[in-house]
PDB file of all heavy atoms in Angstrom:
ATOM      1  N   ARG A   1       2.777  -2.038   7.133  1.00  0.00           N
ATOM      2  CA  ARG A   1       3.985  -1.944   7.920  1.00  0.00           C
ATOM      3  C   ARG A   1       3.719  -2.309   9.321  1.00  0.00           C
ATOM      4  O   ARG A   1       2.592  -2.109   9.836  1.00  0.00           O
ATOM      5  CB  ARG A   1       4.740  -0.658   7.627  1.00  0.00           C
ATOM      6  CG  ARG A   1       3.958   0.587   8.222  1.00  0.00           C
ATOM      7  CD  ARG A   1       4.721   1.889   7.872  1.00  0.00           C
ATOM      8  NE  ARG A   1       6.150   1.768   8.214  1.00  0.00           N
ATOM      9  CZ  ARG A   1       7.052   2.815   8.405  1.00  0.00           C
ATOM     10  NH1 ARG A   1       6.499   3.996   8.301  1.00  0.00           N
ATOM     11  NH2 ARG A   1       8.246   2.600   8.599  1.00  0.00           N
ATOM     12  N   THR A   2       4.718  -2.682   9.961  1.00  0.00           N
ATOM     13  CA  THR A   2       4.523  -3.212  11.307  1.00  0.00           C
ATOM     14  C   THR A   2       4.932  -2.215  12.469  1.00  0.00           C
ATOM     15  O   THR A   2       4.824  -2.488  13.608  1.00  0.00           O
ATOM     16  CB  THR A   2       5.439  -4.461  11.621  1.00  0.00           C
ATOM     17  OG1 THR A   2       6.856  -4.123  11.295  1.00  0.00           O
ATOM     18  CG2 THR A   2       4.926  -5.603  10.737  1.00  0.00           C
ATOM     19  N   GLY A   3       5.271  -0.895  11.983  1.00  0.00           N
ATOM     20  CA  GLY A   3       5.544   0.112  13.046  1.00  0.00           C
ATOM     21  C   GLY A   3       5.863   1.370  12.255  1.00  0.00           C
ATOM     22  O   GLY A   3       5.980   1.420  11.051  1.00  0.00           O
ATOM     23  N   GLY A   4       6.039   2.451  13.059  1.00  0.00           N
ATOM     24  CA  GLY A   4       6.384   3.745  12.407  1.00  0.00           C
ATOM     25  C   GLY A   4       5.192   4.586  12.003  1.00  0.00           C
ATOM     26  O   GLY A   4       4.122   4.456  12.569  1.00  0.00           O
ATOM     27  N   SER A   5       5.486   5.468  11.122  1.00  0.00           N
ATOM     28  CA  SER A   5       4.535   6.344  10.571  1.00  0.00           C
ATOM     29  C   SER A   5       3.540   5.689   9.592  1.00  0.00           C
ATOM     30  O   SER A   5       3.919   4.682   8.814  1.00  0.00           O
ATOM     31  CB  SER A   5       5.077   7.526   9.827  1.00  0.00           C
ATOM     32  OG  SER A   5       5.936   8.228  10.734  1.00  0.00           O
ATOM     33  N   CYS A   6       2.320   6.085   9.500  1.00  0.00           N
ATOM     34  CA  CYS A   6       1.338   5.374   8.662  1.00  0.00           C
ATOM     35  C   CYS A   6       0.882   6.311   7.462  1.00  0.00           C
ATOM     36  O   CYS A   6       0.068   5.868   6.712  1.00  0.00           O
ATOM     37  CB  CYS A   6       0.148   5.018   9.518  1.00  0.00           C
ATOM     38  SG  CYS A   6       0.364   3.774  10.785  1.00  0.00           S
ATOM     39  N   TYR A   7       1.433   7.496   7.369  1.00  0.00           N
ATOM     40  CA  TYR A   7       0.922   8.344   6.166  1.00  0.00           C
ATOM     41  C   TYR A   7       1.346   7.651   4.915  1.00  0.00           C
ATOM     42  O   TYR A   7       2.299   6.703   4.894  1.00  0.00           O
ATOM     43  CB  TYR A   7       1.617   9.695   6.345  1.00  0.00           C
ATOM     44  CG  TYR A   7       3.071   9.826   6.185  1.00  0.00           C
ATOM     45  CD1 TYR A   7       3.683  10.100   5.083  1.00  0.00           C
ATOM     46  CD2 TYR A   7       3.906   9.506   7.286  1.00  0.00           C
ATOM     47  CE1 TYR A   7       5.063  10.202   4.873  1.00  0.00           C
ATOM     48  CE2 TYR A   7       5.263   9.609   7.227  1.00  0.00           C
ATOM     49  CZ  TYR A   7       5.878   9.945   6.021  1.00  0.00           C
ATOM     50  OH  TYR A   7       7.184  10.029   5.895  1.00  0.00           O
ATOM     51  N   ILE A   8       0.679   8.013   3.789  1.00  0.00           N
ATOM     52  CA  ILE A   8       0.898   7.204   2.624  1.00  0.00           C
ATOM     53  C   ILE A   8       2.242   7.409   1.971  1.00  0.00           C
ATOM     54  O   ILE A   8       2.604   6.622   1.088  1.00  0.00           O
ATOM     55  CB  ILE A   8      -0.293   7.663   1.617  1.00  0.00           C
ATOM     56  CG1 ILE A   8      -0.273   9.158   1.322  1.00  0.00           C
ATOM     57  CG2 ILE A   8      -1.649   7.107   1.988  1.00  0.00           C
ATOM     58  CD1 ILE A   8      -1.281   9.536   0.244  1.00  0.00           C
ATOM     59  N   GLY A   9       3.019   8.329   2.446  1.00  0.00           N
ATOM     60  CA  GLY A   9       4.330   8.511   1.983  1.00  0.00           C
ATOM     61  C   GLY A   9       5.366   7.651   2.765  1.00  0.00           C
ATOM     62  O   GLY A   9       6.558   7.649   2.357  1.00  0.00           O
ATOM     63  N   ALA A  10       4.990   7.047   3.754  1.00  0.00           N
ATOM     64  CA  ALA A  10       5.870   6.242   4.594  1.00  0.00           C
ATOM     65  C   ALA A  10       6.231   4.998   3.886  1.00  0.00           C
ATOM     66  O   ALA A  10       5.657   4.574   2.825  1.00  0.00           O
ATOM     67  CB  ALA A  10       5.094   5.834   5.865  1.00  0.00           C
ATOM     68  N   GLU A  11       7.215   4.233   4.461  1.00  0.00           N
ATOM     69  CA  GLU A  11       7.778   3.006   3.864  1.00  0.00           C
ATOM     70  C   GLU A  11       6.985   1.883   4.149  1.00  0.00           C
ATOM     71  O   GLU A  11       7.077   1.398   5.286  1.00  0.00           O
ATOM     72  CB  GLU A  11       9.244   2.937   4.140  1.00  0.00           C
ATOM     73  CG  GLU A  11       9.963   1.712   3.414  1.00  0.00           C
ATOM     74  CD  GLU A  11      11.310   1.553   3.796  1.00  0.00           C
ATOM     75  OE1 GLU A  11      11.929   2.420   4.560  1.00  0.00           O
ATOM     76  OE2 GLU A  11      11.972   0.634   3.262  1.00  0.00           O
ATOM     77  N   TYR A  12       6.135   1.296   3.355  1.00  0.00           N
ATOM     78  CA  TYR A  12       5.267   0.183   3.552  1.00  0.00           C
ATOM     79  C   TYR A  12       6.163  -1.039   3.185  1.00  0.00           C
ATOM     80  O   TYR A  12       6.798  -1.072   2.116  1.00  0.00           O
ATOM     81  CB  TYR A  12       4.021   0.311   2.936  1.00  0.00           C
ATOM     82  CG  TYR A  12       2.987   1.149   3.657  1.00  0.00           C
ATOM     83  CD1 TYR A  12       3.156   2.510   3.655  1.00  0.00           C
ATOM     84  CD2 TYR A  12       2.011   0.513   4.378  1.00  0.00           C
ATOM     85  CE1 TYR A  12       2.218   3.344   4.414  1.00  0.00           C
ATOM     86  CE2 TYR A  12       1.189   1.294   5.105  1.00  0.00           C
ATOM     87  CZ  TYR A  12       1.226   2.673   5.118  1.00  0.00           C
ATOM     88  OH  TYR A  12       0.419   3.462   5.860  1.00  0.00           O
ATOM     89  N   THR A  13       6.126  -2.090   3.970  1.00  0.00           N
ATOM     90  CA  THR A  13       6.968  -3.258   3.832  1.00  0.00           C
ATOM     91  C   THR A  13       6.335  -4.390   3.170  1.00  0.00           C
ATOM     92  O   THR A  13       7.034  -5.148   2.351  1.00  0.00           O
ATOM     93  CB  THR A  13       7.562  -3.677   5.272  1.00  0.00           C
ATOM     94  OG1 THR A  13       8.112  -2.570   5.911  1.00  0.00           O
ATOM     95  CG2 THR A  13       8.514  -4.792   5.103  1.00  0.00           C
ATOM     96  N   TYR A  14       5.061  -4.646   3.404  1.00  0.00           N
ATOM     97  CA  TYR A  14       4.425  -5.829   2.890  1.00  0.00           C
ATOM     98  C   TYR A  14       3.348  -5.385   1.921  1.00  0.00           C
ATOM     99  O   TYR A  14       2.806  -4.391   1.944  1.00  0.00           O
ATOM    100  CB  TYR A  14       3.748  -6.581   4.042  1.00  0.00           C
ATOM    101  CG  TYR A  14       4.758  -7.037   5.103  1.00  0.00           C
ATOM    102  CD1 TYR A  14       4.955  -6.286   6.249  1.00  0.00           C
ATOM    103  CD2 TYR A  14       5.383  -8.262   4.827  1.00  0.00           C
ATOM    104  CE1 TYR A  14       5.864  -6.766   7.199  1.00  0.00           C
ATOM    105  CE2 TYR A  14       6.305  -8.688   5.835  1.00  0.00           C
ATOM    106  CZ  TYR A  14       6.562  -8.004   6.928  1.00  0.00           C
ATOM    107  OH  TYR A  14       7.414  -8.378   7.869  1.00  0.00           O
ATOM    108  N   TRP A  15       3.250  -6.156   0.853  1.00  0.00           N
ATOM    109  CA  TRP A  15       2.416  -5.893  -0.318  1.00  0.00           C
ATOM    110  C   TRP A  15       1.587  -7.078  -0.777  1.00  0.00           C
ATOM    111  O   TRP A  15       2.101  -8.195  -0.803  1.00  0.00           O
ATOM    112  CB  TRP A  15       3.230  -5.375  -1.446  1.00  0.00           C
ATOM    113  CG  TRP A  15       3.946  -4.130  -1.077  1.00  0.00           C
ATOM    114  CD1 TRP A  15       5.201  -3.933  -0.496  1.00  0.00           C
ATOM    115  CD2 TRP A  15       3.485  -2.652  -1.327  1.00  0.00           C
ATOM    116  NE1 TRP A  15       5.391  -2.636  -0.371  1.00  0.00           N
ATOM    117  CE2 TRP A  15       4.462  -1.855  -0.822  1.00  0.00           C
ATOM    118  CE3 TRP A  15       2.382  -2.242  -2.053  1.00  0.00           C
ATOM    119  CZ2 TRP A  15       4.310  -0.505  -0.929  1.00  0.00           C
ATOM    120  CZ3 TRP A  15       2.174  -0.879  -2.105  1.00  0.00           C
ATOM    121  CH2 TRP A  15       3.173   0.041  -1.532  1.00  0.00           C
ATOM    122  N   GLY A  16       0.427  -6.848  -1.146  1.00  0.00           N
ATOM    123  CA  GLY A  16      -0.386  -7.896  -1.852  1.00  0.00           C
ATOM    124  C   GLY A  16       0.010  -7.856  -3.318  1.00  0.00           C
ATOM    125  O   GLY A  16       0.811  -7.001  -3.812  1.00  0.00           O
ATOM    126  N   ARG A  17      -0.647  -8.745  -4.105  1.00  0.00           N
ATOM    127  CA  ARG A  17      -0.295  -8.826  -5.442  1.00  0.00           C
ATOM    128  C   ARG A  17      -1.164  -7.817  -6.346  1.00  0.00           C
ATOM    129  O   ARG A  17      -0.850  -7.674  -7.475  1.00  0.00           O
ATOM    130  CB  ARG A  17      -0.608 -10.224  -6.001  1.00  0.00           C
ATOM    131  CG  ARG A  17       0.479 -11.235  -5.350  1.00  0.00           C
ATOM    132  CD  ARG A  17       0.237 -12.641  -6.018  1.00  0.00           C
ATOM    133  NE  ARG A  17       1.213 -13.567  -5.648  1.00  0.00           N
ATOM    134  CZ  ARG A  17       1.428 -14.807  -6.110  1.00  0.00           C
ATOM    135  NH1 ARG A  17       0.446 -15.244  -7.005  1.00  0.00           N
ATOM    136  NH2 ARG A  17       2.312 -15.598  -5.726  1.00  0.00           N
ATOM    137  N   GLY A  18      -2.178  -7.265  -5.740  1.00  0.00           N
ATOM    138  CA  GLY A  18      -2.913  -6.209  -6.447  1.00  0.00           C
ATOM    139  C   GLY A  18      -4.240  -6.786  -6.989  1.00  0.00           C
ATOM    140  O   GLY A  18      -4.461  -8.018  -7.242  1.00  0.00           O
ATOM    141  N   THR A  19      -5.161  -5.897  -7.205  1.00  0.00           N
ATOM    142  CA  THR A  19      -6.428  -6.156  -7.917  1.00  0.00           C
ATOM    143  C   THR A  19      -6.692  -4.983  -8.962  1.00  0.00           C
ATOM    144  O   THR A  19      -6.492  -3.784  -8.582  1.00  0.00           O
ATOM    145  CB  THR A  19      -7.521  -6.302  -6.957  1.00  0.00           C
ATOM    146  OG1 THR A  19      -8.718  -6.653  -7.620  1.00  0.00           O
ATOM    147  CG2 THR A  19      -7.826  -4.967  -6.128  1.00  0.00           C
ATOM    148  N   GLN A  20      -7.036  -5.292 -10.166  1.00  0.00           N
ATOM    149  CA  GLN A  20      -7.168  -4.380 -11.255  1.00  0.00           C
ATOM    150  C   GLN A  20      -8.555  -3.650 -11.157  1.00  0.00           C
ATOM    151  O   GLN A  20      -9.544  -4.230 -10.972  1.00  0.00           O
ATOM    152  CB  GLN A  20      -7.033  -5.101 -12.540  1.00  0.00           C
ATOM    153  CG  GLN A  20      -7.144  -4.078 -13.775  1.00  0.00           C
ATOM    154  CD  GLN A  20      -5.951  -3.172 -13.810  1.00  0.00           C
ATOM    155  OE1 GLN A  20      -4.827  -3.601 -13.639  1.00  0.00           O
ATOM    156  NE2 GLN A  20      -6.240  -1.909 -14.042  1.00  0.00           N
ATOM    157  N   VAL A  21      -8.384  -2.293 -11.310  1.00  0.00           N
ATOM    158  CA  VAL A  21      -9.707  -1.444 -11.433  1.00  0.00           C
ATOM    159  C   VAL A  21      -9.520  -0.780 -12.713  1.00  0.00           C
ATOM    160  O   VAL A  21      -8.678  -0.026 -13.020  1.00  0.00           O
ATOM    161  CB  VAL A  21      -9.743  -0.480 -10.225  1.00  0.00           C
ATOM    162  CG1 VAL A  21     -10.831   0.545 -10.555  1.00  0.00           C
ATOM    163  CG2 VAL A  21      -9.934  -1.196  -8.971  1.00  0.00           C
ATOM    164  N   THR A  22     -10.571  -0.885 -13.559  1.00  0.00           N
ATOM    165  CA  THR A  22     -10.726  -0.256 -14.913  1.00  0.00           C
ATOM    166  C   THR A  22     -12.000   0.494 -14.950  1.00  0.00           C
ATOM    167  O   THR A  22     -13.055  -0.019 -14.733  1.00  0.00           O
ATOM    168  CB  THR A  22     -10.597  -1.265 -15.949  1.00  0.00           C
ATOM    169  OG1 THR A  22      -9.463  -2.023 -15.903  1.00  0.00           O
ATOM    170  CG2 THR A  22     -10.611  -0.565 -17.279  1.00  0.00           C
ATOM    171  N   VAL A  23     -11.884   1.794 -15.094  1.00  0.00           N
ATOM    172  CA  VAL A  23     -13.040   2.810 -15.187  1.00  0.00           C
ATOM    173  C   VAL A  23     -13.146   3.294 -16.652  1.00  0.00           C
ATOM    174  O   VAL A  23     -12.186   3.959 -17.151  1.00  0.00           O
ATOM    175  CB  VAL A  23     -12.871   3.890 -14.252  1.00  0.00           C
ATOM    176  CG1 VAL A  23     -14.148   4.739 -14.247  1.00  0.00           C
ATOM    177  CG2 VAL A  23     -12.612   3.335 -12.855  1.00  0.00           C
ATOM    178  N   SER A  24     -14.243   2.982 -17.247  1.00  0.00           N
ATOM    179  CA  SER A  24     -14.520   3.429 -18.652  1.00  0.00           C
ATOM    180  C   SER A  24     -15.450   4.641 -18.671  1.00  0.00           C
ATOM    181  O   SER A  24     -16.317   4.767 -17.811  1.00  0.00           O
ATOM    182  CB  SER A  24     -15.133   2.343 -19.435  1.00  0.00           C
ATOM    183  OG  SER A  24     -14.276   1.147 -19.512  1.00  0.00           O
TER     184      SER A  24
END
């Protein structure tokens, strides 16, 4: 996000497409 609060409950605006993590 480009401003405001940074805690993980904040509203993040921009997102990547993701990367998969699998733990067996």
